[in-house]
């Protein structure tokens, strides 16, 4: 299954070793789930994970990003999302999810109002984990 991961889920998965976000990060790292992204999303991951307030060890972040760089499904030439979202920085996530026929997983579902989704499935980490677990 291919997934676009909102940055907040990636951060949550690194902050706590338990719970659905951590399970999702682990599944991506082991290849059980394929991460889809484009360069804008990758740049956001790097910027956010490098913020001092998280205190993530730089070597740990570099390793994670290296795995993502090597094994992710890279989307190129994704057109901008045609509908404005409450936070325009969230628009690349919907655009990549639509272009790659992926599920978008976010801890902030309300940032993606239903009328703006245009058929893209937007799930919480718990909903996504439950869906994947049922499918196995």
C-alpha atoms as a PDB file:
ATOM      1  CA  UNK A   1       0.000   0.000   0.000  1.00  0.00           C
ATOM      2  CA  UNK A   2       1.256   3.455  -0.877  1.00  0.00           C
ATOM      3  CA  UNK A   3       0.866   6.344   1.573  1.00  0.00           C
ATOM      4  CA  UNK A   4       1.602  10.051   1.769  1.00  0.00           C
ATOM      5  CA  UNK A   5       2.617  10.868   5.306  1.00  0.00           C
ATOM      6  CA  UNK A   6       1.927  14.297   6.755  1.00  0.00           C
ATOM      7  CA  UNK A   7       4.971  15.601   8.590  1.00  0.00           C
ATOM      8  CA  UNK A   8       3.135  15.624  11.925  1.00  0.00           C
ATOM      9  CA  UNK A   9       2.774  11.833  11.769  1.00  0.00           C
ATOM     10  CA  UNK A  10       6.464  11.387  11.046  1.00  0.00           C
ATOM     11  CA  UNK A  11       7.343  13.628  14.007  1.00  0.00           C
ATOM     12  CA  UNK A  12       4.914  11.805  16.314  1.00  0.00           C
ATOM     13  CA  UNK A  13       6.332   8.467  15.239  1.00  0.00           C
ATOM     14  CA  UNK A  14       9.814   9.604  16.184  1.00  0.00           C
ATOM     15  CA  UNK A  15       8.794  11.214  19.473  1.00  0.00           C
ATOM     16  CA  UNK A  16       7.156   8.053  20.803  1.00  0.00           C
ATOM     17  CA  UNK A  17       8.134   4.453  20.110  1.00  0.00           C
ATOM     18  CA  UNK A  18       4.552   3.285  20.631  1.00  0.00           C
ATOM     19  CA  UNK A  19       1.244   4.063  19.001  1.00  0.00           C
ATOM     20  CA  UNK A  20       0.022   4.214  15.413  1.00  0.00           C
ATOM     21  CA  UNK A  21       2.474   6.906  14.200  1.00  0.00           C
ATOM     22  CA  UNK A  22       5.453   4.839  15.410  1.00  0.00           C
ATOM     23  CA  UNK A  23       3.937   1.735  13.790  1.00  0.00           C
ATOM     24  CA  UNK A  24       3.593   3.616  10.489  1.00  0.00           C
ATOM     25  CA  UNK A  25       7.172   4.912  10.576  1.00  0.00           C
ATOM     26  CA  UNK A  26       8.417   1.393  11.312  1.00  0.00           C
ATOM     27  CA  UNK A  27       6.322  -0.028   8.469  1.00  0.00           C
ATOM     28  CA  UNK A  28       7.815   2.495   6.070  1.00  0.00           C
ATOM     29  CA  UNK A  29      11.353   1.744   7.244  1.00  0.00           C
ATOM     30  CA  UNK A  30      10.843  -2.007   6.838  1.00  0.00           C
ATOM     31  CA  UNK A  31       9.219  -1.661   3.426  1.00  0.00           C
ATOM     32  CA  UNK A  32       5.789  -2.903   4.498  1.00  0.00           C
ATOM     33  CA  UNK A  33       4.284   0.381   3.344  1.00  0.00           C
ATOM     34  CA  UNK A  34       5.530   2.456   0.432  1.00  0.00           C
ATOM     35  CA  UNK A  35       5.910   6.164   1.120  1.00  0.00           C
ATOM     36  CA  UNK A  36       5.048   8.539  -1.722  1.00  0.00           C
ATOM     37  CA  UNK A  37       6.411  12.064  -1.788  1.00  0.00           C
ATOM     38  CA  UNK A  38       7.815  14.819  -3.931  1.00  0.00           C
ATOM     39  CA  UNK A  39      10.687  17.202  -3.351  1.00  0.00           C
ATOM     40  CA  UNK A  40       8.516  19.766  -1.500  1.00  0.00           C
ATOM     41  CA  UNK A  41       7.423  17.140   1.032  1.00  0.00           C
ATOM     42  CA  UNK A  42      10.971  15.815   1.388  1.00  0.00           C
ATOM     43  CA  UNK A  43      12.264  19.337   2.053  1.00  0.00           C
ATOM     44  CA  UNK A  44       9.580  19.867   4.691  1.00  0.00           C
ATOM     45  CA  UNK A  45      10.537  16.593   6.389  1.00  0.00           C
ATOM     46  CA  UNK A  46      14.168  17.686   6.583  1.00  0.00           C
ATOM     47  CA  UNK A  47      13.361  21.178   7.821  1.00  0.00           C
ATOM     48  CA  UNK A  48      10.906  20.070  10.511  1.00  0.00           C
ATOM     49  CA  UNK A  49      12.945  17.098  11.756  1.00  0.00           C
ATOM     50  CA  UNK A  50      15.938  19.390  12.129  1.00  0.00           C
ATOM     51  CA  UNK A  51      14.152  21.839  14.429  1.00  0.00           C
ATOM     52  CA  UNK A  52      15.873  22.211  17.791  1.00  0.00           C
ATOM     53  CA  UNK A  53      12.649  21.840  19.791  1.00  0.00           C
ATOM     54  CA  UNK A  54      12.467  18.175  18.847  1.00  0.00           C
ATOM     55  CA  UNK A  55      16.076  17.390  19.789  1.00  0.00           C
ATOM     56  CA  UNK A  56      16.232  14.526  17.313  1.00  0.00           C
ATOM     57  CA  UNK A  57      19.815  13.312  16.976  1.00  0.00           C
ATOM     58  CA  UNK A  58      21.093  14.555  13.604  1.00  0.00           C
ATOM     59  CA  UNK A  59      22.518  11.126  12.739  1.00  0.00           C
ATOM     60  CA  UNK A  60      19.107   9.528  13.409  1.00  0.00           C
ATOM     61  CA  UNK A  61      17.371  12.074  11.152  1.00  0.00           C
ATOM     62  CA  UNK A  62      19.991  11.582   8.439  1.00  0.00           C
ATOM     63  CA  UNK A  63      19.516   7.814   8.542  1.00  0.00           C
ATOM     64  CA  UNK A  64      15.736   8.121   8.324  1.00  0.00           C
ATOM     65  CA  UNK A  65      15.909  10.557   5.436  1.00  0.00           C
ATOM     66  CA  UNK A  66      18.425   8.349   3.636  1.00  0.00           C
ATOM     67  CA  UNK A  67      16.045   5.404   3.834  1.00  0.00           C
ATOM     68  CA  UNK A  68      13.206   7.597   2.600  1.00  0.00           C
ATOM     69  CA  UNK A  69      15.367   8.919  -0.246  1.00  0.00           C
ATOM     70  CA  UNK A  70      16.307   5.422  -1.324  1.00  0.00           C
ATOM     71  CA  UNK A  71      13.009   3.566  -1.038  1.00  0.00           C
ATOM     72  CA  UNK A  72      10.207   6.116  -1.408  1.00  0.00           C
ATOM     73  CA  UNK A  73       8.039   6.417  -4.488  1.00  0.00           C
ATOM     74  CA  UNK A  74       9.052   9.789  -5.911  1.00  0.00           C
ATOM     75  CA  UNK A  75       6.384  11.801  -7.695  1.00  0.00           C
ATOM     76  CA  UNK A  76       7.613  14.355 -10.206  1.00  0.00           C
ATOM     77  CA  UNK A  77       5.702  17.025 -12.046  1.00  0.00           C
ATOM     78  CA  UNK A  78       2.747  16.946  -9.661  1.00  0.00           C
ATOM     79  CA  UNK A  79       0.438  19.859 -10.473  1.00  0.00           C
ATOM     80  CA  UNK A  80      -0.508  22.233  -7.656  1.00  0.00           C
ATOM     81  CA  UNK A  81      -3.602  21.290  -5.675  1.00  0.00           C
ATOM     82  CA  UNK A  82      -6.546  23.107  -7.334  1.00  0.00           C
ATOM     83  CA  UNK A  83      -8.456  23.849  -4.112  1.00  0.00           C
ATOM     84  CA  UNK A  84      -7.214  26.161  -1.371  1.00  0.00           C
ATOM     85  CA  UNK A  85      -6.730  24.564   2.044  1.00  0.00           C
ATOM     86  CA  UNK A  86      -6.770  26.327   5.420  1.00  0.00           C
ATOM     87  CA  UNK A  87      -2.960  25.967   5.414  1.00  0.00           C
ATOM     88  CA  UNK A  88      -1.473  26.217   1.906  1.00  0.00           C
ATOM     89  CA  UNK A  89       1.591  24.257   3.119  1.00  0.00           C
ATOM     90  CA  UNK A  90      -0.692  21.185   3.279  1.00  0.00           C
ATOM     91  CA  UNK A  91      -1.614  21.341  -0.405  1.00  0.00           C
ATOM     92  CA  UNK A  92       1.406  19.350  -1.709  1.00  0.00           C
ATOM     93  CA  UNK A  93       0.362  16.415   0.477  1.00  0.00           C
ATOM     94  CA  UNK A  94      -3.075  16.192  -1.164  1.00  0.00           C
ATOM     95  CA  UNK A  95      -1.582  16.798  -4.609  1.00  0.00           C
ATOM     96  CA  UNK A  96       0.927  13.950  -4.259  1.00  0.00           C
ATOM     97  CA  UNK A  97      -1.697  11.636  -2.754  1.00  0.00           C
ATOM     98  CA  UNK A  98      -4.001  12.283  -5.716  1.00  0.00           C
ATOM     99  CA  UNK A  99      -1.227  11.934  -8.306  1.00  0.00           C
ATOM    100  CA  UNK A 100       0.040   8.645  -6.842  1.00  0.00           C
ATOM    101  CA  UNK A 101      -3.359   7.213  -5.846  1.00  0.00           C
ATOM    102  CA  UNK A 102      -2.189   7.100  -2.246  1.00  0.00           C
ATOM    103  CA  UNK A 103      -3.866   7.480   1.102  1.00  0.00           C
ATOM    104  CA  UNK A 104      -2.949  10.631   3.006  1.00  0.00           C
ATOM    105  CA  UNK A 105      -2.289  10.002   6.695  1.00  0.00           C
ATOM    106  CA  UNK A 106      -2.362  12.990   9.026  1.00  0.00           C
ATOM    107  CA  UNK A 107      -2.823  13.790  12.664  1.00  0.00           C
ATOM    108  CA  UNK A 108      -4.733  16.903  11.613  1.00  0.00           C
ATOM    109  CA  UNK A 109      -7.651  15.642   9.537  1.00  0.00           C
ATOM    110  CA  UNK A 110      -9.483  18.932  10.079  1.00  0.00           C
ATOM    111  CA  UNK A 111      -6.765  20.662   8.021  1.00  0.00           C
ATOM    112  CA  UNK A 112      -8.123  18.742   5.019  1.00  0.00           C
ATOM    113  CA  UNK A 113     -11.861  19.575   4.860  1.00  0.00           C
ATOM    114  CA  UNK A 114     -13.891  16.940   3.028  1.00  0.00           C
ATOM    115  CA  UNK A 115     -14.981  19.265   0.171  1.00  0.00           C
ATOM    116  CA  UNK A 116     -11.315  20.008  -0.636  1.00  0.00           C
ATOM    117  CA  UNK A 117     -10.172  16.381  -0.844  1.00  0.00           C
ATOM    118  CA  UNK A 118     -11.497  15.586  -4.324  1.00  0.00           C
ATOM    119  CA  UNK A 119     -11.718  11.858  -3.617  1.00  0.00           C
ATOM    120  CA  UNK A 120      -8.405  11.462  -1.778  1.00  0.00           C
ATOM    121  CA  UNK A 121      -8.732   9.249   1.303  1.00  0.00           C
ATOM    122  CA  UNK A 122      -7.506  11.168   4.355  1.00  0.00           C
ATOM    123  CA  UNK A 123      -7.067   9.046   7.471  1.00  0.00           C
ATOM    124  CA  UNK A 124      -5.766   9.442  10.986  1.00  0.00           C
ATOM    125  CA  UNK A 125      -2.812   7.248  11.941  1.00  0.00           C
ATOM    126  CA  UNK A 126      -5.142   4.977  13.953  1.00  0.00           C
ATOM    127  CA  UNK A 127      -7.583   4.620  11.041  1.00  0.00           C
ATOM    128  CA  UNK A 128      -4.745   3.836   8.656  1.00  0.00           C
ATOM    129  CA  UNK A 129      -3.154   1.267  10.978  1.00  0.00           C
ATOM    130  CA  UNK A 130      -6.519  -0.412  11.492  1.00  0.00           C
ATOM    131  CA  UNK A 131      -7.175  -0.490   7.737  1.00  0.00           C
ATOM    132  CA  UNK A 132      -3.777  -2.015   6.985  1.00  0.00           C
ATOM    133  CA  UNK A 133      -4.085  -4.538   9.822  1.00  0.00           C
ATOM    134  CA  UNK A 134      -7.516  -5.689   8.590  1.00  0.00           C
ATOM    135  CA  UNK A 135      -6.143  -6.109   5.066  1.00  0.00           C
ATOM    136  CA  UNK A 136      -3.541  -8.662   6.156  1.00  0.00           C
END
